Amino acid sequence: MKFTLEKKDARSGARCGVLETAHGNIHTPIFMPVGTVGSVKGVYHCHLKEDIGAEIILGNTYHLYLRLGLDILRAAGGLHKFESWDRPILTDSGGFQVFSLSPIRKLTPEGCIFRSHIDGSRHIFTPENNVDTQRIIGADIMMALDECCPGDATHDYARKSLDLTKSWLERYAAHFAQTEPLYGYEQSFFPIIQGCVYPDLRVEAAEHALEYASAGIAIGGLAVGEPTEKMYEMLELLNPVIPQDKARYLMGVGTPANLLEGIARGVDMFDCVMPTRNGRNGMLFTWNGIMNMRNAKWENDFSELDPCGTSFVDHAYSKAYLRHLFIAGELFAGMIASEHNLAFYLDVVRQARKHIMEGDFAQWKDETVKRITARL
């Protein structure tokens, strides 16, 4: 796996490049739709490829381990074959899900002991068995096991949390080096930079993680309750610390504006459930601003969803029709909205890449953020 930097913006930290994987090239900056349990909710794979333009999707280690099981995944030949997806896949380690299960989990030097949210059964993730689990899933890009520190943690807690994450990373990397892919293609893993909102811990975490980074590195713990300004501050801090030849993945972020501000601070890769989750609840992101499709103001509006958009969805259905579907409780409403939002997110990063290549990203970004954050 290899990351090649193609162009840097002269007025910001924005950059574009290509991440080469066994299942295809990923052109950055990129947004990765989240396919938690083997599907991006409500969206056909053909639409993900042809209409939305997704170059990579995510799978969730915690949920695939519990809900599907490793025996079935291995018998199927891995997640690519099981879900009929022939482009790259990234899997998280399950660390964030374990973080969110704080009442029913326990962190130890050995690993994380937790109880299934499905049936209460007891399990443990160690760095070693987490490598084995992601080998069986077969993702092109695996995430190292970490503790996702709360955004409001004290420095003392964040210090102890980072020490645990560093220890786990060392064991994860050692076991990764001692094992082989199961399905005949290369896998790589990204270490994760933690450290909460404390500059000294973030820099320490980055320097340690870079000892184990090959093609890329992830930045975690910046969408877990801390103010947005702190997230941007940490990205600005890390941008000069991370070498230019490493792809940078900001985990779990975020709004379209977050994507553009992250790109301006050197981030290459993003993922978030927001476009599909918010879409299923009636929120549409567009080039003219944000719309709540349940609002009565759209009842007699027969114009396209997003006249400036590029997805076929924008030219097929009106605002009035989509509002009707939501009010009627039709499943089709969530499907249209999810596909629209994903198409918009992918269009945002494509346009960002275009403007980086053309040399006017910084001005375009400032103008665009104002426009897409307006409430319509």
Protein backbone atom coordinates (compact mmCIF):
# COMPACT_ATOMS: atom_id res chain seq x y z
CA MET A 1 0.00 0.00 0.00
CA LYS A 2 1.36 3.40 -0.96
CA PHE A 3 0.29 7.04 -0.60
CA THR A 4 1.49 9.52 -3.20
CA LEU A 5 1.08 13.26 -2.63
CA GLU A 6 0.05 15.02 -5.83
CA LYS A 7 -0.48 18.69 -4.95
CA LYS A 8 -0.43 21.01 -1.93
CA ASP A 9 -2.42 24.22 -1.57
CA ALA A 10 -0.21 27.28 -1.19
CA ARG A 11 -2.50 29.09 1.28
CA SER A 12 -3.59 26.27 3.57
CA GLY A 13 -2.73 22.74 4.63
CA ALA A 14 -4.99 21.24 1.94
CA ARG A 15 -3.50 18.51 -0.25
CA CYS A 16 -4.56 15.86 -2.69
CA GLY A 17 -3.05 12.50 -3.43
CA VAL A 18 -3.62 8.85 -4.29
CA LEU A 19 -3.71 5.92 -1.89
CA GLU A 20 -3.03 2.67 -3.75
CA THR A 21 -4.66 -0.52 -2.41
CA ALA A 22 -5.18 -4.06 -3.62
CA HIS A 23 -8.80 -3.28 -4.51
CA GLY A 24 -8.18 0.00 -6.32
CA ASN A 25 -6.86 3.52 -5.95
CA ILE A 26 -8.39 6.08 -3.59
CA HIS A 27 -8.17 9.71 -4.69
CA THR A 28 -7.88 12.06 -1.74
CA PRO A 29 -9.38 14.02 -0.16
CA ILE A 30 -12.06 11.36 0.18
CA PHE A 31 -15.21 10.69 2.18
CA MET A 32 -15.90 7.05 3.08
CA PRO A 33 -19.54 5.95 3.49
CA VAL A 34 -20.10 3.87 6.61
CA GLY A 35 -21.27 0.30 6.06
CA THR A 36 -21.46 -0.83 9.67
CA VAL A 37 -22.67 -4.42 9.36
CA GLY A 38 -21.88 -5.07 5.72
CA SER A 39 -24.10 -2.48 4.05
CA VAL A 40 -24.44 1.28 3.71
CA LYS A 41 -27.98 1.64 5.02
CA GLY A 42 -30.61 1.98 2.31
CA VAL A 43 -28.21 2.31 -0.63
CA TYR A 44 -27.57 -0.20 -3.43
CA HIS A 45 -23.92 -0.98 -4.19
CA CYS A 46 -24.44 -0.09 -7.85
CA HIS A 47 -25.62 3.36 -6.76
CA LEU A 48 -22.64 3.72 -4.39
CA LYS A 49 -20.33 3.10 -7.31
CA GLU A 50 -22.02 4.63 -10.34
CA ASP A 51 -24.07 7.53 -8.96
CA ILE A 52 -22.37 8.41 -5.68
CA GLY A 53 -18.82 7.58 -6.74
CA ALA A 54 -17.69 5.90 -3.51
CA GLU A 55 -14.12 4.63 -3.86
CA ILE A 56 -14.00 3.01 -0.42
CA ILE A 57 -16.49 2.08 2.30
CA LEU A 58 -16.19 1.12 5.96
CA GLY A 59 -17.04 -1.94 7.98
CA ASN A 60 -17.32 -2.10 11.76
CA THR A 61 -15.22 -4.72 13.55
CA TYR A 62 -17.30 -4.73 16.73
CA HIS A 63 -20.63 -5.23 14.97
CA LEU A 64 -19.35 -7.72 12.38
CA TYR A 65 -17.70 -9.74 15.14
CA LEU A 66 -20.90 -9.90 17.21
CA ARG A 67 -23.75 -9.85 14.72
CA LEU A 68 -22.30 -11.90 11.89
CA GLY A 69 -19.48 -13.91 13.42
CA LEU A 70 -16.01 -14.75 12.23
CA ASP A 71 -16.79 -18.29 11.08
CA ILE A 72 -19.24 -17.07 8.45
CA LEU A 73 -16.93 -14.29 7.30
CA ARG A 74 -14.02 -16.66 6.88
CA ALA A 75 -16.14 -19.25 5.08
CA ALA A 76 -17.37 -16.51 2.72
CA GLY A 77 -13.80 -15.48 1.90
CA GLY A 78 -13.92 -12.17 3.74
CA LEU A 79 -16.17 -9.13 3.75
CA HIS A 80 -15.49 -8.12 0.14
CA LYS A 81 -16.94 -11.36 -1.18
CA PHE A 82 -19.63 -11.62 1.47
CA GLU A 83 -21.13 -8.23 0.61
CA SER A 84 -20.17 -8.25 -3.10
CA TRP A 85 -18.04 -5.11 -2.92
CA ASP A 86 -14.91 -5.10 -5.11
CA ARG A 87 -13.47 -1.74 -4.06
CA PRO A 88 -11.40 -0.97 -0.93
CA ILE A 89 -12.78 -1.47 2.58
CA LEU A 90 -11.54 0.07 5.83
CA THR A 91 -12.43 -1.45 9.21
CA ASP A 92 -12.19 0.29 12.55
CA SER A 93 -10.95 -1.72 15.51
CA GLY A 94 -14.17 -1.45 17.51
CA GLY A 95 -12.49 0.95 19.94
CA PHE A 96 -15.11 3.65 19.52
CA GLN A 97 -17.99 1.22 20.04
CA VAL A 98 -16.29 -0.05 23.19
CA PHE A 99 -15.89 3.56 24.33
CA SER A 100 -19.62 4.13 23.85
CA LEU A 101 -20.39 1.01 25.92
CA SER A 102 -18.71 2.42 29.05
CA PRO A 103 -21.33 1.02 31.49
CA ILE A 104 -20.71 -2.55 30.27
CA ARG A 105 -16.97 -2.64 29.58
CA LYS A 106 -13.72 -2.71 31.53
CA LEU A 107 -10.30 -1.61 30.30
CA THR A 108 -7.23 -3.60 31.42
CA PRO A 109 -3.60 -3.73 30.28
CA GLU A 110 -4.45 -7.02 28.56
CA GLY A 111 -7.35 -5.57 26.55
CA CYS A 112 -10.95 -4.45 26.73
CA ILE A 113 -13.52 -6.69 28.39
CA PHE A 114 -17.08 -5.93 27.32
CA ARG A 115 -20.55 -7.35 27.18
CA SER A 116 -22.48 -7.64 23.96
CA HIS A 117 -25.23 -5.06 23.57
CA ILE A 118 -27.20 -7.82 21.80
CA ASP A 119 -27.33 -10.64 24.35
CA GLY A 120 -25.09 -9.60 27.24
CA SER A 121 -22.43 -12.23 26.49
CA ARG A 122 -18.89 -11.52 27.69
CA HIS A 123 -16.04 -10.84 25.23
CA ILE A 124 -12.54 -9.39 25.18
CA PHE A 125 -10.67 -7.47 22.51
CA THR A 126 -6.90 -7.67 22.84
CA PRO A 127 -4.48 -6.15 20.35
CA GLU A 128 -3.63 -9.64 19.16
CA ASN A 129 -7.12 -11.02 18.65
CA ASN A 130 -8.17 -7.70 17.14
CA VAL A 131 -5.55 -8.17 14.43
CA ASP A 132 -6.82 -11.72 13.88
CA THR A 133 -10.42 -10.49 13.66
CA GLN A 134 -9.63 -7.84 11.07
CA ARG A 135 -7.53 -10.34 9.11
CA ILE A 136 -10.64 -12.54 8.89
CA ILE A 137 -12.82 -9.59 7.87
CA GLY A 138 -10.23 -8.88 5.19
CA ALA A 139 -10.25 -5.09 5.07
CA ASP A 140 -7.63 -3.36 2.94
CA ILE A 141 -7.03 -0.87 5.75
CA MET A 142 -7.24 -2.00 9.38
CA MET A 143 -7.27 0.23 12.45
CA ALA A 144 -5.11 -0.44 15.50
CA LEU A 145 -6.95 -1.13 18.77
CA ASP A 146 -7.05 1.98 20.93
CA GLU A 147 -8.99 3.58 23.75
CA CYS A 148 -11.13 6.44 22.51
CA CYS A 149 -10.66 9.01 25.26
CA PRO A 150 -13.70 11.20 26.12
CA GLY A 151 -13.51 14.73 24.77
CA ASP A 152 -13.90 16.24 28.24
CA ALA A 153 -11.37 14.00 29.98
CA THR A 154 -8.91 15.47 32.46
CA HIS A 155 -5.23 15.57 31.56
CA ASP A 156 -4.56 12.83 34.11
CA TYR A 157 -7.18 10.52 32.55
CA ALA A 158 -5.99 11.32 29.03
CA ARG A 159 -2.40 10.57 30.10
CA LYS A 160 -3.32 7.11 31.40
CA SER A 161 -5.52 6.46 28.38
CA LEU A 162 -2.73 7.36 25.97
CA ASP A 163 -0.28 5.10 27.81
CA LEU A 164 -2.73 2.22 27.35
CA THR A 165 -3.22 3.03 23.66
CA LYS A 166 0.55 3.17 23.10
CA SER A 167 1.05 -0.18 24.81
CA TRP A 168 -1.72 -1.75 22.75
CA LEU A 169 -0.29 -0.30 19.53
CA GLU A 170 3.10 -1.88 20.15
CA ARG A 171 1.49 -5.29 20.66
CA TYR A 172 -0.86 -4.78 17.69
CA ALA A 173 2.04 -3.93 15.36
CA ALA A 174 4.08 -6.91 16.55
CA HIS A 175 1.22 -9.35 15.98
CA PHE A 176 0.37 -7.79 12.63
CA ALA A 177 3.98 -8.39 11.52
CA GLN A 178 3.77 -12.02 12.64
CA THR A 179 0.57 -12.80 10.71
CA GLU A 180 -0.37 -12.93 7.05
CA PRO A 181 -3.44 -11.88 5.04
CA LEU A 182 -5.90 -14.71 4.50
CA TYR A 183 -7.28 -13.96 1.06
CA GLY A 184 -4.28 -13.35 -1.18
CA TYR A 185 -4.05 -9.56 -1.13
CA GLU A 186 -2.17 -7.01 0.95
CA GLN A 187 -3.59 -5.47 4.11
CA SER A 188 -2.19 -2.47 5.91
CA PHE A 189 -3.03 -0.89 9.26
CA PHE A 190 -3.19 2.68 10.47
CA PRO A 191 -2.12 3.52 14.04
CA ILE A 192 -4.39 6.01 15.79
CA ILE A 193 -3.30 9.29 17.37
CA GLN A 194 -5.14 9.92 20.63
CA GLY A 195 -4.43 12.41 23.44
CA CYS A 196 -7.76 14.23 23.86
CA VAL A 197 -7.44 18.03 23.50
CA TYR A 198 -4.02 18.31 25.16
CA PRO A 199 -1.25 19.46 22.79
CA ASP A 200 1.57 17.73 24.66
CA LEU A 201 -0.25 14.39 24.59
CA ARG A 202 -1.29 14.73 20.95
CA VAL A 203 2.28 15.40 19.81
CA GLU A 204 3.58 12.55 21.94
CA ALA A 205 0.91 10.24 20.54
CA ALA A 206 1.72 11.25 16.96
CA GLU A 207 5.45 10.72 17.36
CA HIS A 208 4.88 7.29 18.89
CA ALA A 209 2.27 6.25 16.30
CA LEU A 210 4.51 7.30 13.42
CA GLU A 211 7.00 4.64 14.46
CA TYR A 212 4.44 2.08 13.27
CA ALA A 213 2.78 3.93 10.36
CA SER A 214 3.35 2.79 6.80
CA ALA A 215 1.01 4.34 4.24
CA GLY A 216 -1.18 6.29 6.63
CA ILE A 217 -2.17 7.30 10.12
CA ALA A 218 -5.49 8.02 11.83
CA ILE A 219 -6.50 10.86 14.15
CA GLY A 220 -9.05 9.67 16.70
CA GLY A 221 -10.92 11.12 19.63
CA LEU A 222 -11.91 14.40 17.96
CA ALA A 223 -15.63 13.81 17.52
CA VAL A 224 -16.47 12.74 21.06
CA GLY A 225 -17.83 15.83 22.78
CA GLU A 226 -15.04 18.38 22.54
CA PRO A 227 -15.77 21.83 21.02
CA THR A 228 -15.29 22.04 17.26
CA GLU A 229 -12.68 24.76 17.75
CA LYS A 230 -10.58 22.30 19.77
CA MET A 231 -10.78 19.76 16.97
CA TYR A 232 -9.46 22.32 14.50
CA GLU A 233 -6.77 23.36 16.96
CA MET A 234 -5.53 19.77 17.30
CA LEU A 235 -5.51 19.31 13.51
CA GLU A 236 -3.44 22.46 13.08
CA LEU A 237 -1.05 21.17 15.73
CA LEU A 238 -0.64 17.77 14.07
CA ASN A 239 -0.41 18.92 10.45
CA PRO A 240 3.32 19.77 10.57
CA VAL A 241 4.10 16.77 12.80
CA ILE A 242 2.81 14.10 10.39
CA PRO A 243 5.09 13.52 7.36
CA GLN A 244 3.73 14.52 3.98
CA ASP A 245 3.96 10.96 2.63
CA LYS A 246 1.37 9.61 5.10
CA ALA A 247 -2.36 9.67 4.39
CA ARG A 248 -4.21 11.32 7.30
CA TYR A 249 -7.60 9.91 8.33
CA LEU A 250 -9.81 11.94 10.70
CA MET A 251 -12.14 9.41 12.28
CA GLY A 252 -15.88 9.97 12.64
CA VAL A 253 -16.08 13.48 11.19
CA GLY A 254 -18.45 15.05 10.31
CA THR A 255 -20.57 17.82 8.73
CA PRO A 256 -19.75 19.03 5.19
CA ALA A 257 -18.22 22.16 6.75
CA ASN A 258 -16.09 19.96 9.05
CA LEU A 259 -14.79 18.15 5.99
CA LEU A 260 -13.71 21.35 4.28
CA GLU A 261 -12.13 22.78 7.43
CA GLY A 262 -10.38 19.45 8.01
CA ILE A 263 -9.06 19.40 4.46
CA ALA A 264 -7.73 22.92 4.99
CA ARG A 265 -5.77 21.55 7.96
CA GLY A 266 -4.17 18.65 6.12
CA VAL A 267 -6.72 15.83 6.46
CA ASP A 268 -7.11 13.38 3.55
CA MET A 269 -9.79 10.88 4.63
CA PHE A 270 -13.10 11.16 6.51
CA ASP A 271 -16.01 8.97 7.55
CA CYS A 272 -19.26 9.67 9.36
CA VAL A 273 -22.77 8.22 9.70
CA MET A 274 -24.24 11.71 9.44
CA PRO A 275 -25.21 11.72 5.73
CA THR A 276 -27.23 8.50 6.05
CA ARG A 277 -28.46 8.84 9.63
CA ASN A 278 -29.54 12.46 9.23
CA GLY A 279 -30.93 11.65 5.80
CA ARG A 280 -33.20 8.97 7.23
CA ASN A 281 -34.51 11.62 9.63
CA GLY A 282 -35.30 14.14 6.92
CA MET A 283 -32.18 16.35 6.84
CA LEU A 284 -30.69 17.11 3.43
CA PHE A 285 -27.32 18.74 2.82
CA THR A 286 -27.14 20.77 -0.39
CA TRP A 287 -24.90 23.29 -2.13
CA ASN A 288 -27.34 26.01 -1.08
CA GLY A 289 -27.67 24.97 2.56
CA ILE A 290 -29.40 22.52 4.89
CA MET A 291 -33.06 21.51 4.53
CA ASN A 292 -35.46 19.78 6.92
CA MET A 293 -37.68 17.92 4.50
CA ARG A 294 -40.52 17.59 7.02
CA ASN A 295 -41.07 21.35 7.05
CA ALA A 296 -44.37 22.56 5.56
CA LYS A 297 -42.52 25.11 3.41
CA TRP A 298 -41.62 22.32 0.95
CA GLU A 299 -45.20 21.07 0.54
CA ASN A 300 -45.81 22.91 -2.75
CA ASP A 301 -42.18 23.25 -3.88
CA PHE A 302 -41.82 21.20 -7.06
CA SER A 303 -38.23 22.26 -7.76
CA GLU A 304 -35.31 19.83 -7.75
CA LEU A 305 -33.77 18.82 -4.43
CA ASP A 306 -30.46 20.46 -5.26
CA PRO A 307 -30.29 22.24 -8.63
CA CYS A 308 -26.51 22.65 -8.19
CA GLY A 309 -25.96 18.97 -7.39
CA THR A 310 -24.45 16.24 -9.51
CA SER A 311 -26.38 13.14 -8.39
CA PHE A 312 -29.16 11.79 -10.58
CA VAL A 313 -31.34 11.95 -7.45
CA ASP A 314 -31.29 15.75 -7.58
CA HIS A 315 -32.90 15.73 -11.01
CA ALA A 316 -35.40 12.94 -10.43
CA TYR A 317 -37.43 14.06 -7.41
CA SER A 318 -38.87 17.32 -6.16
CA LYS A 319 -38.78 18.78 -2.66
CA ALA A 320 -42.57 18.39 -2.45
CA TYR A 321 -42.39 14.71 -3.38
CA LEU A 322 -39.66 13.91 -0.85
CA ARG A 323 -41.54 15.78 1.89
CA HIS A 324 -44.65 13.77 1.06
CA LEU A 325 -42.72 10.51 1.41
CA PHE A 326 -41.35 11.52 4.82
CA ILE A 327 -44.76 12.62 6.13
CA ALA A 328 -46.28 9.38 4.82
CA GLY A 329 -43.61 7.31 6.53
CA GLU A 330 -42.40 5.71 3.31
CA LEU A 331 -39.06 3.85 3.47
CA PHE A 332 -38.25 5.29 0.06
CA ALA A 333 -37.84 8.71 1.67
CA GLY A 334 -34.83 7.60 3.68
CA MET A 335 -33.32 5.88 0.66
CA ILE A 336 -33.56 9.01 -1.50
CA ALA A 337 -32.25 11.26 1.27
CA SER A 338 -29.37 8.94 2.15
CA GLU A 339 -28.25 8.66 -1.44
CA HIS A 340 -28.58 12.39 -1.98
CA ASN A 341 -26.49 13.19 1.12
CA LEU A 342 -23.78 10.68 0.25
CA ALA A 343 -23.63 12.03 -3.30
CA PHE A 344 -23.32 15.55 -1.89
CA TYR A 345 -20.51 14.58 0.52
CA LEU A 346 -18.58 12.88 -2.28
CA ASP A 347 -19.15 15.90 -4.50
CA VAL A 348 -17.79 18.18 -1.75
CA VAL A 349 -14.48 16.28 -1.55
CA ARG A 350 -14.26 16.01 -5.35
CA GLN A 351 -14.73 19.76 -5.69
CA ALA A 352 -12.15 20.32 -2.93
CA ARG A 353 -9.69 18.15 -4.85
CA LYS A 354 -10.42 20.08 -8.05
CA HIS A 355 -9.78 23.44 -6.38
CA ILE A 356 -6.58 22.21 -4.72
CA MET A 357 -5.31 21.15 -8.13
CA GLU A 358 -6.34 24.51 -9.63
CA GLY A 359 -4.69 26.46 -6.80
CA ASP A 360 -7.69 28.40 -5.45
CA PHE A 361 -8.86 26.07 -2.66
CA ALA A 362 -8.58 28.51 0.27
CA GLN A 363 -10.83 31.19 -1.25
CA TRP A 364 -13.30 28.59 -2.56
CA LYS A 365 -13.46 26.88 0.84
CA ASP A 366 -14.27 30.09 2.74
CA GLU A 367 -17.06 30.99 0.32
CA THR A 368 -18.44 27.45 0.22
CA VAL A 369 -18.58 26.94 4.00
CA LYS A 370 -20.80 30.00 4.36
CA ARG A 371 -23.15 28.77 1.66
CA ILE A 372 -23.55 25.11 2.69
CA THR A 373 -24.10 25.87 6.39
CA ALA A 374 -27.11 28.13 5.77
CA ARG A 375 -30.45 26.83 7.06
CA LEU A 376 -33.08 26.90 4.31
